[in-house]
Amino acid sequence: MIVTGTAHRVGPRVSGLARLLAGRNPLRRSYDRIEGAVLVMLAAAFLITVAGASVLGGHIYGTQQAKAARLHMTVATLTQPGPTIAGQLQPGHARARWPAADGRQRPGVLTSVTAPDIVGAPTGTRITVWLNHSGQPDVPPPSRALMLSYALLTAISAVAGATVGLVISYAVCRLVIDRRRLAAWESAWALTGPRWTSRR
């Protein structure tokens, strides 16, 4: 039995980018290929940026965790009243003592940066402090949630900044390519246009 008719071949649809890069369209000019190559390079740069931002965020989080792990918490006792007013530019000071690694009481000076609770505290107040490996007061470590938030914010900011740069780069490249494409079209029309108008 012979069946006549028109057979339609169904194949996978080729994406626009694949047609732009590898399609056999005779109307496609070299500028179209250049634009496709620019898109591929920008996409690769974006993926590399995302990967790099992830590594950067993980590195920052790990560094903060390692620094926090080197600190240990103890309780200091003020031997004089704390400052009434203190700020970041002019931190306040107060003398205190805290237990050293050997168990002895070690006298020293606390600041409102390393021990914010000394502001307005009277003599004898017990203040939580963080000591470094040498037994000196250090800045209190951030919480784990704050560490994670800072790492994520840094990674997102890096990706956002790189994305803006890539979009601007593509816009500039597209502007240059469109100008060249228009110039080529006008040049081709200058040769073809008179032939079309003469037929009327």
N, C-alpha and C. Protein backbone atom coordinates (compact mmCIF):
# COMPACT_ATOMS: atom_id res chain seq x y z
N MET A 1 0.85 -1.19 0.00
CA MET A 1 0.00 0.00 0.00
C MET A 1 0.88 1.23 0.00
N ILE A 2 0.62 2.16 -0.92
CA ILE A 2 1.44 3.36 -1.06
C ILE A 2 0.64 4.55 -0.57
N VAL A 3 1.21 5.26 0.32
CA VAL A 3 0.55 6.45 0.87
C VAL A 3 1.23 7.67 0.31
N THR A 4 0.44 8.49 -0.34
CA THR A 4 1.00 9.72 -0.91
C THR A 4 0.71 10.89 0.01
N GLY A 5 1.48 11.91 -0.09
CA GLY A 5 1.27 13.09 0.74
C GLY A 5 2.61 13.76 0.99
N THR A 6 2.55 14.79 1.76
CA THR A 6 3.75 15.56 2.09
C THR A 6 4.22 15.18 3.48
N ALA A 7 5.44 14.76 3.57
CA ALA A 7 6.02 14.37 4.87
C ALA A 7 6.75 15.56 5.45
N HIS A 8 6.48 15.82 6.68
CA HIS A 8 7.15 16.91 7.38
C HIS A 8 8.16 16.33 8.35
N ARG A 9 9.36 16.76 8.21
CA ARG A 9 10.41 16.27 9.10
C ARG A 9 10.43 17.13 10.35
N VAL A 10 10.31 16.47 11.47
CA VAL A 10 10.30 17.17 12.76
C VAL A 10 11.62 16.93 13.44
N GLY A 11 12.33 17.93 13.77
CA GLY A 11 13.62 17.81 14.45
C GLY A 11 13.68 18.74 15.62
N PRO A 12 14.72 18.62 16.37
CA PRO A 12 14.85 19.49 17.54
C PRO A 12 15.01 20.94 17.11
N ARG A 13 14.36 21.80 17.83
CA ARG A 13 14.45 23.21 17.53
C ARG A 13 15.81 23.75 17.98
N VAL A 14 16.38 24.50 17.12
CA VAL A 14 17.68 25.08 17.43
C VAL A 14 17.45 26.43 18.08
N SER A 15 18.12 26.68 19.17
CA SER A 15 17.95 27.93 19.88
C SER A 15 18.45 29.09 19.03
N GLY A 16 17.99 30.28 19.40
CA GLY A 16 18.40 31.47 18.66
C GLY A 16 19.89 31.70 18.71
N LEU A 17 20.51 31.42 19.88
CA LEU A 17 21.95 31.62 20.00
C LEU A 17 22.71 30.63 19.13
N ALA A 18 22.21 29.37 19.07
CA ALA A 18 22.89 28.38 18.24
C ALA A 18 22.78 28.75 16.77
N ARG A 19 21.59 29.25 16.36
CA ARG A 19 21.45 29.69 14.98
C ARG A 19 22.35 30.89 14.68
N LEU A 20 22.49 31.76 15.70
CA LEU A 20 23.33 32.95 15.51
C LEU A 20 24.79 32.57 15.34
N LEU A 21 25.20 31.51 16.04
CA LEU A 21 26.62 31.13 16.01
C LEU A 21 26.92 30.13 14.90
N ALA A 22 26.07 29.11 14.74
CA ALA A 22 26.42 28.00 13.85
C ALA A 22 25.43 27.79 12.72
N GLY A 23 24.37 28.59 12.68
CA GLY A 23 23.39 28.40 11.62
C GLY A 23 23.96 28.75 10.25
N ARG A 24 23.40 28.14 9.21
CA ARG A 24 23.87 28.38 7.84
C ARG A 24 22.94 29.36 7.13
N ASN A 25 22.74 30.48 7.72
CA ASN A 25 21.89 31.51 7.13
C ASN A 25 22.74 32.37 6.20
N PRO A 26 22.44 32.41 4.91
CA PRO A 26 23.27 33.20 3.99
C PRO A 26 23.17 34.69 4.24
N LEU A 27 22.12 35.12 4.95
CA LEU A 27 21.97 36.55 5.23
C LEU A 27 22.78 37.00 6.45
N ARG A 28 23.31 36.05 7.17
CA ARG A 28 24.06 36.40 8.37
C ARG A 28 25.43 36.95 7.99
N ARG A 29 25.79 38.09 8.53
CA ARG A 29 27.06 38.71 8.21
C ARG A 29 28.06 38.43 9.32
N SER A 30 29.27 38.91 9.09
CA SER A 30 30.32 38.69 10.09
C SER A 30 30.00 39.40 11.39
N TYR A 31 29.25 40.52 11.33
CA TYR A 31 28.89 41.23 12.54
C TYR A 31 27.97 40.40 13.43
N ASP A 32 27.12 39.59 12.79
CA ASP A 32 26.25 38.71 13.57
C ASP A 32 27.07 37.65 14.31
N ARG A 33 28.09 37.12 13.62
CA ARG A 33 28.96 36.15 14.29
C ARG A 33 29.72 36.80 15.44
N ILE A 34 30.18 38.03 15.23
CA ILE A 34 30.90 38.73 16.30
C ILE A 34 29.99 38.95 17.51
N GLU A 35 28.75 39.34 17.24
CA GLU A 35 27.80 39.55 18.34
C GLU A 35 27.55 38.25 19.10
N GLY A 36 27.42 37.15 18.37
CA GLY A 36 27.24 35.86 19.04
C GLY A 36 28.44 35.49 19.88
N ALA A 37 29.65 35.73 19.36
CA ALA A 37 30.85 35.43 20.14
C ALA A 37 30.93 36.30 21.38
N VAL A 38 30.52 37.57 21.26
CA VAL A 38 30.52 38.46 22.43
C VAL A 38 29.55 37.95 23.49
N LEU A 39 28.37 37.49 23.06
CA LEU A 39 27.40 36.95 24.00
C LEU A 39 27.95 35.73 24.73
N VAL A 40 28.62 34.85 23.99
CA VAL A 40 29.20 33.65 24.62
C VAL A 40 30.27 34.04 25.64
N MET A 41 31.13 35.00 25.28
CA MET A 41 32.19 35.42 26.20
C MET A 41 31.61 36.09 27.45
N LEU A 42 30.58 36.91 27.27
CA LEU A 42 29.97 37.57 28.42
C LEU A 42 29.26 36.56 29.32
N ALA A 43 28.61 35.57 28.71
CA ALA A 43 27.96 34.53 29.52
C ALA A 43 29.00 33.73 30.31
N ALA A 44 30.12 33.40 29.66
CA ALA A 44 31.19 32.69 30.36
C ALA A 44 31.77 33.55 31.48
N ALA A 45 31.93 34.86 31.22
CA ALA A 45 32.44 35.75 32.26
C ALA A 45 31.48 35.84 33.43
N PHE A 46 30.18 35.83 33.16
CA PHE A 46 29.19 35.86 34.25
C PHE A 46 29.26 34.60 35.11
N LEU A 47 29.37 33.45 34.45
CA LEU A 47 29.47 32.19 35.21
C LEU A 47 30.74 32.16 36.05
N ILE A 48 31.84 32.64 35.48
CA ILE A 48 33.10 32.69 36.24
C ILE A 48 32.97 33.64 37.42
N THR A 49 32.26 34.75 37.22
CA THR A 49 32.05 35.71 38.31
C THR A 49 31.23 35.09 39.43
N VAL A 50 30.18 34.37 39.07
CA VAL A 50 29.35 33.71 40.10
C VAL A 50 30.18 32.71 40.89
N ALA A 51 30.98 31.92 40.18
CA ALA A 51 31.83 30.94 40.87
C ALA A 51 32.85 31.65 41.76
N GLY A 52 33.47 32.71 41.24
CA GLY A 52 34.44 33.44 42.04
C GLY A 52 33.83 34.10 43.25
N ALA A 53 32.61 34.65 43.10
CA ALA A 53 31.93 35.28 44.23
C ALA A 53 31.59 34.25 45.30
N SER A 54 31.22 33.04 44.87
CA SER A 54 30.94 31.98 45.84
C SER A 54 32.19 31.61 46.63
N VAL A 55 33.31 31.51 45.92
CA VAL A 55 34.58 31.20 46.59
C VAL A 55 34.96 32.33 47.54
N LEU A 56 34.77 33.59 47.10
CA LEU A 56 35.09 34.73 47.95
C LEU A 56 34.24 34.76 49.21
N GLY A 57 32.93 34.53 49.05
CA GLY A 57 32.05 34.50 50.22
C GLY A 57 32.43 33.39 51.19
N GLY A 58 32.75 32.22 50.66
CA GLY A 58 33.18 31.12 51.53
C GLY A 58 34.49 31.43 52.24
N HIS A 59 35.41 32.10 51.53
CA HIS A 59 36.69 32.46 52.15
C HIS A 59 36.48 33.47 53.27
N ILE A 60 35.64 34.46 53.04
CA ILE A 60 35.39 35.47 54.08
C ILE A 60 34.74 34.82 55.30
N TYR A 61 33.77 33.95 55.06
CA TYR A 61 33.11 33.27 56.18
C TYR A 61 34.10 32.40 56.95
N GLY A 62 34.94 31.66 56.23
CA GLY A 62 35.93 30.82 56.90
C GLY A 62 36.95 31.62 57.68
N THR A 63 37.36 32.77 57.12
CA THR A 63 38.33 33.62 57.81
C THR A 63 37.74 34.17 59.10
N GLN A 64 36.48 34.60 59.06
CA GLN A 64 35.85 35.12 60.26
C GLN A 64 35.68 34.03 61.32
N GLN A 65 35.33 32.84 60.87
CA GLN A 65 35.19 31.74 61.83
C GLN A 65 36.54 31.38 62.46
N ALA A 66 37.60 31.38 61.64
CA ALA A 66 38.92 31.06 62.18
C ALA A 66 39.37 32.11 63.18
N LYS A 67 39.11 33.38 62.89
CA LYS A 67 39.48 34.43 63.83
C LYS A 67 38.69 34.32 65.12
N ALA A 68 37.38 34.03 65.00
CA ALA A 68 36.57 33.87 66.21
C ALA A 68 37.01 32.66 67.03
N ALA A 69 37.50 31.61 66.36
CA ALA A 69 37.93 30.41 67.09
C ALA A 69 39.19 30.67 67.91
N ARG A 70 39.99 31.66 67.51
CA ARG A 70 41.23 31.97 68.25
C ARG A 70 40.97 32.82 69.49
N LEU A 71 39.74 33.30 69.65
CA LEU A 71 39.40 34.11 70.82
C LEU A 71 38.72 33.24 71.88
N HIS A 72 38.91 33.59 73.13
CA HIS A 72 38.20 32.90 74.20
C HIS A 72 37.59 33.94 75.13
N MET A 73 36.43 33.60 75.65
CA MET A 73 35.67 34.54 76.46
C MET A 73 36.02 34.39 77.93
N THR A 74 36.05 35.51 78.62
CA THR A 74 36.26 35.52 80.06
C THR A 74 35.50 36.70 80.64
N VAL A 75 35.57 36.86 81.94
CA VAL A 75 34.84 37.93 82.63
C VAL A 75 35.85 38.82 83.34
N ALA A 76 35.81 40.10 83.05
CA ALA A 76 36.69 41.09 83.69
C ALA A 76 35.90 41.89 84.71
N THR A 77 36.60 42.39 85.70
CA THR A 77 35.99 43.21 86.74
C THR A 77 36.59 44.60 86.68
N LEU A 78 35.76 45.62 86.59
CA LEU A 78 36.25 46.98 86.51
C LEU A 78 36.83 47.41 87.85
N THR A 79 38.00 48.00 87.84
CA THR A 79 38.62 48.55 89.04
C THR A 79 38.48 50.07 89.10
N GLN A 80 37.80 50.64 88.14
CA GLN A 80 37.46 52.06 88.14
C GLN A 80 36.21 52.23 87.31
N PRO A 81 35.47 53.33 87.49
CA PRO A 81 34.23 53.51 86.72
C PRO A 81 34.53 53.61 85.23
N GLY A 82 33.60 53.12 84.45
CA GLY A 82 33.73 53.20 83.00
C GLY A 82 33.42 54.61 82.50
N PRO A 83 33.75 54.91 81.28
CA PRO A 83 33.49 56.24 80.71
C PRO A 83 31.99 56.49 80.58
N THR A 84 31.62 57.74 80.73
CA THR A 84 30.20 58.08 80.61
C THR A 84 29.78 58.20 79.15
N ILE A 85 30.69 58.66 78.30
CA ILE A 85 30.41 58.82 76.87
C ILE A 85 31.59 58.25 76.08
N ALA A 86 31.29 57.53 75.03
CA ALA A 86 32.35 56.96 74.18
C ALA A 86 31.79 56.79 72.78
N GLY A 87 32.67 56.91 71.82
CA GLY A 87 32.30 56.72 70.42
C GLY A 87 33.39 55.99 69.66
N GLN A 88 33.16 55.78 68.37
CA GLN A 88 34.14 55.09 67.55
C GLN A 88 35.39 55.93 67.35
N LEU A 89 35.23 57.26 67.22
CA LEU A 89 36.38 58.12 67.00
C LEU A 89 37.16 58.39 68.28
N GLN A 90 36.46 58.45 69.39
CA GLN A 90 37.10 58.67 70.68
C GLN A 90 36.61 57.62 71.68
N PRO A 91 37.17 56.42 71.62
CA PRO A 91 36.73 55.36 72.53
C PRO A 91 37.10 55.66 73.97
N GLY A 92 36.24 55.22 74.88
CA GLY A 92 36.52 55.39 76.31
C GLY A 92 37.38 54.27 76.84
N HIS A 93 37.99 54.51 78.03
CA HIS A 93 38.88 53.54 78.66
C HIS A 93 38.47 53.33 80.12
N ALA A 94 38.82 52.17 80.61
CA ALA A 94 38.60 51.86 82.02
C ALA A 94 39.56 50.75 82.43
N ARG A 95 40.14 50.90 83.62
CA ARG A 95 41.04 49.87 84.13
C ARG A 95 40.22 48.72 84.70
N ALA A 96 40.74 47.50 84.52
CA ALA A 96 40.04 46.31 84.97
C ALA A 96 41.06 45.20 85.22
N ARG A 97 40.56 44.09 85.73
CA ARG A 97 41.41 42.89 85.88
C ARG A 97 40.58 41.69 85.42
N TRP A 98 41.30 40.70 84.89
CA TRP A 98 40.64 39.49 84.40
C TRP A 98 41.58 38.31 84.58
N PRO A 99 41.05 37.11 84.65
CA PRO A 99 41.90 35.94 84.87
C PRO A 99 42.74 35.62 83.64
N ALA A 100 44.02 35.40 83.85
CA ALA A 100 44.92 35.00 82.77
C ALA A 100 44.85 33.49 82.57
N ALA A 101 45.65 32.99 81.62
CA ALA A 101 45.64 31.55 81.33
C ALA A 101 46.08 30.72 82.52
N ASP A 102 46.98 31.28 83.37
CA ASP A 102 47.45 30.53 84.54
C ASP A 102 46.55 30.69 85.75
N GLY A 103 45.43 31.38 85.60
CA GLY A 103 44.49 31.56 86.69
C GLY A 103 44.69 32.81 87.51
N ARG A 104 45.81 33.48 87.35
CA ARG A 104 46.06 34.69 88.12
C ARG A 104 45.29 35.87 87.52
N GLN A 105 44.98 36.83 88.38
CA GLN A 105 44.29 38.02 87.94
C GLN A 105 45.28 38.96 87.24
N ARG A 106 44.93 39.37 86.07
CA ARG A 106 45.82 40.21 85.28
C ARG A 106 45.20 41.61 85.14
N PRO A 107 45.90 42.65 85.58
CA PRO A 107 45.37 44.00 85.40
C PRO A 107 45.60 44.50 83.98
N GLY A 108 44.74 45.37 83.55
CA GLY A 108 44.87 45.93 82.21
C GLY A 108 43.84 47.01 81.96
N VAL A 109 43.76 47.43 80.73
CA VAL A 109 42.85 48.51 80.34
C VAL A 109 41.89 47.98 79.28
N LEU A 110 40.61 48.23 79.51
CA LEU A 110 39.59 47.89 78.53
C LEU A 110 39.15 49.17 77.82
N THR A 111 38.77 49.04 76.57
CA THR A 111 38.24 50.17 75.82
C THR A 111 36.80 49.88 75.42
N SER A 112 36.11 50.94 75.04
CA SER A 112 34.72 50.76 74.61
C SER A 112 34.62 50.02 73.28
N VAL A 113 35.76 49.83 72.59
CA VAL A 113 35.76 49.05 71.35
C VAL A 113 35.84 47.56 71.66
N THR A 114 36.74 47.18 72.55
CA THR A 114 36.89 45.77 72.90
C THR A 114 35.86 45.31 73.92
N ALA A 115 35.34 46.25 74.72
CA ALA A 115 34.34 45.91 75.74
C ALA A 115 33.30 47.03 75.78
N PRO A 116 32.32 47.02 74.90
CA PRO A 116 31.34 48.11 74.84
C PRO A 116 30.54 48.30 76.13
N ASP A 117 30.43 47.27 76.97
CA ASP A 117 29.60 47.36 78.17
C ASP A 117 30.23 48.20 79.27
N ILE A 118 31.47 48.69 79.09
CA ILE A 118 32.09 49.49 80.15
C ILE A 118 31.51 50.90 80.19
N VAL A 119 30.84 51.33 79.15
CA VAL A 119 30.29 52.69 79.11
C VAL A 119 29.22 52.85 80.20
N GLY A 120 29.46 53.76 81.12
CA GLY A 120 28.51 54.03 82.19
C GLY A 120 28.50 53.00 83.31
N ALA A 121 29.41 52.03 83.28
CA ALA A 121 29.43 50.98 84.31
C ALA A 121 30.21 51.45 85.54
N PRO A 122 29.71 51.17 86.75
CA PRO A 122 30.44 51.57 87.96
C PRO A 122 31.58 50.60 88.28
N THR A 123 32.38 50.99 89.26
CA THR A 123 33.48 50.13 89.70
C THR A 123 32.93 48.81 90.24
N GLY A 124 33.61 47.73 89.92
CA GLY A 124 33.19 46.41 90.38
C GLY A 124 32.27 45.68 89.42
N THR A 125 31.86 46.33 88.34
CA THR A 125 30.99 45.68 87.36
C THR A 125 31.75 44.57 86.63
N ARG A 126 31.09 43.45 86.47
CA ARG A 126 31.68 42.33 85.74
C ARG A 126 31.30 42.45 84.26
N ILE A 127 32.34 42.48 83.43
CA ILE A 127 32.16 42.71 81.99
C ILE A 127 32.68 41.50 81.22
N THR A 128 31.90 41.05 80.26
CA THR A 128 32.34 39.96 79.39
C THR A 128 33.33 40.51 78.37
N VAL A 129 34.50 39.88 78.27
CA VAL A 129 35.52 40.30 77.30
C VAL A 129 36.01 39.08 76.54
N TRP A 130 36.57 39.36 75.36
CA TRP A 130 37.17 38.32 74.53
C TRP A 130 38.67 38.57 74.45
N LEU A 131 39.44 37.53 74.74
CA LEU A 131 40.90 37.64 74.75
C LEU A 131 41.49 36.90 73.56
N ASN A 132 42.58 37.46 73.02
CA ASN A 132 43.28 36.79 71.93
C ASN A 132 44.31 35.82 72.48
N HIS A 133 45.16 35.27 71.61
CA HIS A 133 46.10 34.24 72.04
C HIS A 133 47.14 34.78 73.02
N SER A 134 47.37 36.10 73.02
CA SER A 134 48.33 36.68 73.95
C SER A 134 47.69 37.16 75.23
N GLY A 135 46.39 36.93 75.38
CA GLY A 135 45.70 37.31 76.60
C GLY A 135 45.25 38.75 76.64
N GLN A 136 45.31 39.46 75.50
CA GLN A 136 44.88 40.84 75.44
C GLN A 136 43.43 40.93 74.94
N PRO A 137 42.67 41.91 75.46
CA PRO A 137 41.29 42.06 74.99
C PRO A 137 41.23 42.36 73.49
N ASP A 138 40.26 41.77 72.83
CA ASP A 138 40.09 41.95 71.40
C ASP A 138 38.64 42.30 71.12
N VAL A 139 38.37 42.71 69.89
CA VAL A 139 37.01 43.06 69.48
C VAL A 139 36.13 41.81 69.56
N PRO A 140 34.94 41.91 70.14
CA PRO A 140 34.06 40.73 70.22
C PRO A 140 33.76 40.18 68.83
N PRO A 141 33.78 38.88 68.66
CA PRO A 141 33.50 38.30 67.33
C PRO A 141 32.02 38.44 66.99
N PRO A 142 31.71 38.58 65.71
CA PRO A 142 30.29 38.64 65.31
C PRO A 142 29.63 37.28 65.45
N SER A 143 28.31 37.29 65.49
CA SER A 143 27.57 36.04 65.56
C SER A 143 27.70 35.29 64.25
N ARG A 144 27.36 34.00 64.29
CA ARG A 144 27.45 33.19 63.08
C ARG A 144 26.50 33.71 62.00
N ALA A 145 25.31 34.15 62.43
CA ALA A 145 24.36 34.70 61.45
C ALA A 145 24.92 35.96 60.81
N LEU A 146 25.59 36.80 61.58
CA LEU A 146 26.17 38.02 61.03
C LEU A 146 27.33 37.70 60.09
N MET A 147 28.13 36.69 60.45
CA MET A 147 29.21 36.26 59.55
C MET A 147 28.66 35.80 58.21
N LEU A 148 27.61 34.97 58.27
CA LEU A 148 27.01 34.45 57.04
C LEU A 148 26.40 35.57 56.22
N SER A 149 25.73 36.51 56.91
CA SER A 149 25.11 37.63 56.19
C SER A 149 26.16 38.48 55.49
N TYR A 150 27.27 38.73 56.17
CA TYR A 150 28.32 39.54 55.58
C TYR A 150 28.94 38.84 54.37
N ALA A 151 29.16 37.53 54.49
CA ALA A 151 29.73 36.77 53.38
C ALA A 151 28.78 36.76 52.18
N LEU A 152 27.49 36.55 52.44
CA LEU A 152 26.51 36.55 51.35
C LEU A 152 26.39 37.92 50.71
N LEU A 153 26.40 38.96 51.55
CA LEU A 153 26.29 40.32 51.01
C LEU A 153 27.49 40.65 50.13
N THR A 154 28.67 40.22 50.55
CA THR A 154 29.86 40.46 49.74
C THR A 154 29.78 39.74 48.40
N ALA A 155 29.35 38.47 48.44
CA ALA A 155 29.24 37.70 47.20
C ALA A 155 28.18 38.29 46.27
N ILE A 156 27.03 38.68 46.82
CA ILE A 156 25.96 39.24 46.00
C ILE A 156 26.40 40.58 45.41
N SER A 157 27.10 41.39 46.20
CA SER A 157 27.57 42.68 45.70
C SER A 157 28.56 42.48 44.55
N ALA A 158 29.43 41.48 44.69
CA ALA A 158 30.40 41.21 43.62
C ALA A 158 29.69 40.78 42.34
N VAL A 159 28.69 39.91 42.47
CA VAL A 159 27.95 39.45 41.28
C VAL A 159 27.17 40.61 40.66
N ALA A 160 26.54 41.43 41.51
CA ALA A 160 25.76 42.55 40.99
C ALA A 160 26.66 43.55 40.26
N GLY A 161 27.80 43.86 40.86
CA GLY A 161 28.72 44.79 40.20
C GLY A 161 29.24 44.25 38.89
N ALA A 162 29.59 42.97 38.87
CA ALA A 162 30.08 42.37 37.63
C ALA A 162 28.97 42.32 36.58
N THR A 163 27.73 42.05 37.00
CA THR A 163 26.61 42.01 36.05
C THR A 163 26.39 43.36 35.39
N VAL A 164 26.45 44.42 36.19
CA VAL A 164 26.30 45.76 35.63
C VAL A 164 27.41 46.04 34.61
N GLY A 165 28.64 45.66 34.97
CA GLY A 165 29.75 45.85 34.05
C GLY A 165 29.58 45.07 32.76
N LEU A 166 29.10 43.83 32.87
CA LEU A 166 28.90 43.01 31.67
C LEU A 166 27.78 43.56 30.79
N VAL A 167 26.70 44.03 31.42
CA VAL A 167 25.60 44.60 30.65
C VAL A 167 26.05 45.86 29.91
N ILE A 168 26.82 46.70 30.60
CA ILE A 168 27.33 47.91 29.95
C ILE A 168 28.27 47.53 28.80
N SER A 169 29.11 46.53 29.03
CA SER A 169 30.02 46.09 27.96
C SER A 169 29.25 45.59 26.75
N TYR A 170 28.19 44.81 27.00
CA TYR A 170 27.40 44.32 25.86
C TYR A 170 26.69 45.46 25.15
N ALA A 171 26.19 46.45 25.93
CA ALA A 171 25.51 47.58 25.30
C ALA A 171 26.46 48.37 24.41
N VAL A 172 27.69 48.57 24.87
CA VAL A 172 28.68 49.29 24.06
C VAL A 172 29.03 48.49 22.81
N CYS A 173 29.27 47.18 22.99
CA CYS A 173 29.58 46.34 21.83
C CYS A 173 28.42 46.32 20.84
N ARG A 174 27.20 46.22 21.35
CA ARG A 174 26.02 46.20 20.47
C ARG A 174 25.89 47.52 19.72
N LEU A 175 26.19 48.63 20.40
CA LEU A 175 26.11 49.93 19.74
C LEU A 175 27.11 50.02 18.59
N VAL A 176 28.35 49.57 18.85
CA VAL A 176 29.38 49.61 17.80
C VAL A 176 29.00 48.68 16.65
N ILE A 177 28.53 47.47 16.99
CA ILE A 177 28.16 46.51 15.94
C ILE A 177 26.98 47.01 15.13
N ASP A 178 25.99 47.61 15.79
CA ASP A 178 24.83 48.12 15.06
C ASP A 178 25.23 49.25 14.11
N ARG A 179 26.16 50.09 14.54
CA ARG A 179 26.62 51.16 13.64
C ARG A 179 27.32 50.58 12.42
N ARG A 180 28.19 49.58 12.65
CA ARG A 180 28.85 48.93 11.52
C ARG A 180 27.84 48.21 10.63
N ARG A 181 26.87 47.58 11.26
CA ARG A 181 25.84 46.85 10.49
C ARG A 181 25.00 47.82 9.65
N LEU A 182 24.66 48.97 10.23
CA LEU A 182 23.88 49.96 9.49
C LEU A 182 24.70 50.55 8.35
N ALA A 183 25.99 50.80 8.62
CA ALA A 183 26.84 51.33 7.55
C ALA A 183 26.95 50.33 6.41
N ALA A 184 27.09 49.04 6.72
CA ALA A 184 27.17 48.02 5.69
C ALA A 184 25.85 47.93 4.91
N TRP A 185 24.73 48.04 5.65
CA TRP A 185 23.43 47.98 4.98
C TRP A 185 23.25 49.16 4.03
N GLU A 186 23.65 50.36 4.48
CA GLU A 186 23.53 51.54 3.63
C GLU A 186 24.42 51.43 2.40
N SER A 187 25.61 50.85 2.59
CA SER A 187 26.51 50.67 1.45
C SER A 187 25.91 49.68 0.45
N ALA A 188 25.34 48.58 0.96
CA ALA A 188 24.72 47.60 0.07
C ALA A 188 23.49 48.18 -0.62
N TRP A 189 22.72 49.00 0.10
CA TRP A 189 21.53 49.59 -0.50
C TRP A 189 21.89 50.64 -1.56
N ALA A 190 23.03 51.30 -1.36
CA ALA A 190 23.47 52.26 -2.36
C ALA A 190 23.74 51.58 -3.70
N LEU A 191 24.13 50.31 -3.66
CA LEU A 191 24.35 49.56 -4.90
C LEU A 191 23.07 48.92 -5.42
N THR A 192 22.22 48.45 -4.51
CA THR A 192 21.02 47.72 -4.92
C THR A 192 19.83 48.65 -5.13
N GLY A 193 19.74 49.74 -4.39
CA GLY A 193 18.59 50.61 -4.46
C GLY A 193 18.29 51.14 -5.84
N PRO A 194 19.29 51.66 -6.57
CA PRO A 194 18.99 52.18 -7.92
C PRO A 194 18.40 51.13 -8.86
N ARG A 195 18.79 49.85 -8.68
CA ARG A 195 18.25 48.81 -9.54
C ARG A 195 16.77 48.59 -9.26
N TRP A 196 16.41 48.68 -8.00
CA TRP A 196 14.99 48.48 -7.65
C TRP A 196 14.15 49.66 -8.12
N THR A 197 14.66 50.86 -7.93
CA THR A 197 13.86 52.04 -8.32
C THR A 197 13.75 52.18 -9.83
N SER A 198 14.76 51.68 -10.59
CA SER A 198 14.71 51.80 -12.04
C SER A 198 13.68 50.88 -12.66
N ARG A 199 13.23 49.86 -11.89
CA ARG A 199 12.25 48.92 -12.44
C ARG A 199 10.84 49.47 -12.39
N ARG A 200 10.62 50.54 -11.65
CA ARG A 200 9.28 51.08 -11.54
C ARG A 200 8.90 51.89 -12.79
